């Protein structure tokens, strides 16, 4: 991997950790030199969530999600945080996982007005 690409990855991981801290979570960049599932891109206080950070102009969506799923612990939700230059951070995860997360925080029985 080229030095510029590695540097951009490090910067992205630090930015993602800062984003999490701004929203009240504890977070820091992981120790990538160790490799494997015990060294995620971002170490954070969100239970049962594995975060893969991609700071690039072009994202191979399913490749990134496959990587996050391969590195997560069993039972965890795999999330890809992605940001292009001059754009906001976005989160990518499977529809099943986002529905599982939403079910944890709200009632599935509440109807939206007008339904």
Protein backbone atom coordinates (compact mmCIF):
# COMPACT_ATOMS: atom_id res chain seq x y z
CA UNK A 1 0.00 0.00 0.00
CA UNK A 2 1.33 3.44 -0.94
CA UNK A 3 2.29 5.87 1.82
CA UNK A 4 -0.33 8.45 0.76
CA UNK A 5 -3.04 5.80 0.92
CA UNK A 6 -1.89 4.63 4.38
CA UNK A 7 -1.76 8.20 5.61
CA UNK A 8 -5.27 8.89 4.32
CA UNK A 9 -6.47 5.74 6.10
CA UNK A 10 -4.91 6.87 9.39
CA UNK A 11 -6.45 10.31 9.03
CA UNK A 12 -9.85 8.76 8.26
CA UNK A 13 -9.65 6.51 11.31
CA UNK A 14 -8.82 9.49 13.52
CA UNK A 15 -11.67 11.51 11.98
CA UNK A 16 -14.12 8.65 12.52
CA UNK A 17 -13.04 8.32 16.15
CA UNK A 18 -13.54 12.07 16.57
CA UNK A 19 -17.03 11.79 15.05
CA UNK A 20 -17.94 9.12 17.60
CA UNK A 21 -16.56 11.22 20.46
CA UNK A 22 -18.60 14.22 19.27
CA UNK A 23 -21.69 12.04 19.67
CA UNK A 24 -20.85 10.97 23.21
CA UNK A 25 -19.03 7.68 22.65
CA UNK A 26 -15.53 6.84 23.78
CA UNK A 27 -13.38 6.19 20.72
CA UNK A 28 -9.80 6.10 19.49
CA UNK A 29 -7.93 4.76 16.50
CA UNK A 30 -7.13 1.05 16.79
CA UNK A 31 -3.68 -0.54 16.68
CA UNK A 32 -3.60 -1.69 13.03
CA UNK A 33 -0.05 -2.99 13.25
CA UNK A 34 -1.39 -5.98 15.21
CA UNK A 35 -3.81 -7.12 12.50
CA UNK A 36 -6.82 -9.39 12.95
CA UNK A 37 -10.19 -8.87 14.62
CA UNK A 38 -8.64 -7.66 17.88
CA UNK A 39 -7.33 -4.52 16.18
CA UNK A 40 -10.32 -2.75 14.62
CA UNK A 41 -9.99 0.55 12.75
CA UNK A 42 -11.69 2.31 15.66
CA UNK A 43 -11.88 1.09 19.26
CA UNK A 44 -15.13 2.44 20.72
CA UNK A 45 -17.72 2.08 23.45
CA UNK A 46 -20.66 1.02 21.26
CA UNK A 47 -21.53 -2.54 22.28
CA UNK A 48 -21.79 -5.28 19.67
CA UNK A 49 -20.75 -3.07 16.74
CA UNK A 50 -17.66 -3.50 14.57
CA UNK A 51 -16.66 -0.40 12.59
CA UNK A 52 -14.64 -0.50 9.39
CA UNK A 53 -13.44 2.95 8.23
CA UNK A 54 -13.04 3.83 4.56
CA UNK A 55 -11.76 7.30 3.69
CA UNK A 56 -11.65 7.23 -0.10
CA UNK A 57 -13.26 8.78 -3.16
CA UNK A 58 -14.58 5.51 -4.57
CA UNK A 59 -15.98 2.85 -2.28
CA UNK A 60 -16.49 -0.74 -3.31
CA UNK A 61 -19.57 -1.09 -1.12
CA UNK A 62 -19.92 -4.85 -0.89
CA UNK A 63 -16.17 -5.43 -0.68
CA UNK A 64 -15.99 -3.04 2.31
CA UNK A 65 -19.01 -4.65 3.97
CA UNK A 66 -17.56 -8.13 3.36
CA UNK A 67 -14.33 -7.02 5.05
CA UNK A 68 -16.22 -5.63 8.04
CA UNK A 69 -18.25 -8.85 8.34
CA UNK A 70 -15.11 -10.99 8.11
CA UNK A 71 -13.40 -9.03 10.91
CA UNK A 72 -16.31 -8.67 13.34
CA UNK A 73 -16.94 -10.92 16.31
CA UNK A 74 -19.85 -13.37 16.10
CA UNK A 75 -23.10 -11.58 16.95
CA UNK A 76 -21.70 -8.10 16.26
CA UNK A 77 -23.14 -5.71 13.68
CA UNK A 78 -20.73 -4.75 10.91
CA UNK A 79 -20.75 -1.04 10.01
CA UNK A 80 -18.69 0.68 7.34
CA UNK A 81 -18.11 4.39 7.97
CA UNK A 82 -17.23 6.09 4.69
CA UNK A 83 -16.31 9.63 3.73
CA UNK A 84 -15.24 11.20 0.47
CA UNK A 85 -13.40 14.52 0.33
CA UNK A 86 -15.63 17.46 1.22
CA UNK A 87 -18.56 15.17 2.11
CA UNK A 88 -20.13 14.04 5.37
CA UNK A 89 -19.56 10.63 6.95
CA UNK A 90 -22.07 7.95 5.98
CA UNK A 91 -22.70 4.55 7.52
CA UNK A 92 -23.23 1.42 5.47
CA UNK A 93 -24.71 -1.73 6.96
CA UNK A 94 -27.11 -4.45 5.97
CA UNK A 95 -30.84 -3.73 6.10
CA UNK A 96 -31.25 -6.58 8.58
CA UNK A 97 -28.65 -5.07 10.89
CA UNK A 98 -30.10 -1.54 10.78
CA UNK A 99 -33.53 -2.96 11.58
CA UNK A 100 -32.05 -4.91 14.52
CA UNK A 101 -30.44 -1.71 15.82
CA UNK A 102 -33.61 0.32 15.37
CA UNK A 103 -35.61 -2.32 17.21
CA UNK A 104 -33.29 -1.84 20.20
CA UNK A 105 -33.97 1.90 20.45
CA UNK A 106 -37.64 2.24 19.56
CA UNK A 107 -41.00 0.59 19.42
CA UNK A 108 -41.83 -1.40 16.31
CA UNK A 109 -45.52 -0.97 17.12
CA UNK A 110 -45.68 2.81 16.68
CA UNK A 111 -47.30 3.88 13.42
CA UNK A 112 -46.24 6.93 11.48
CA UNK A 113 -48.94 9.60 11.16
CA UNK A 114 -50.97 9.12 8.00
CA UNK A 115 -50.54 5.33 7.75
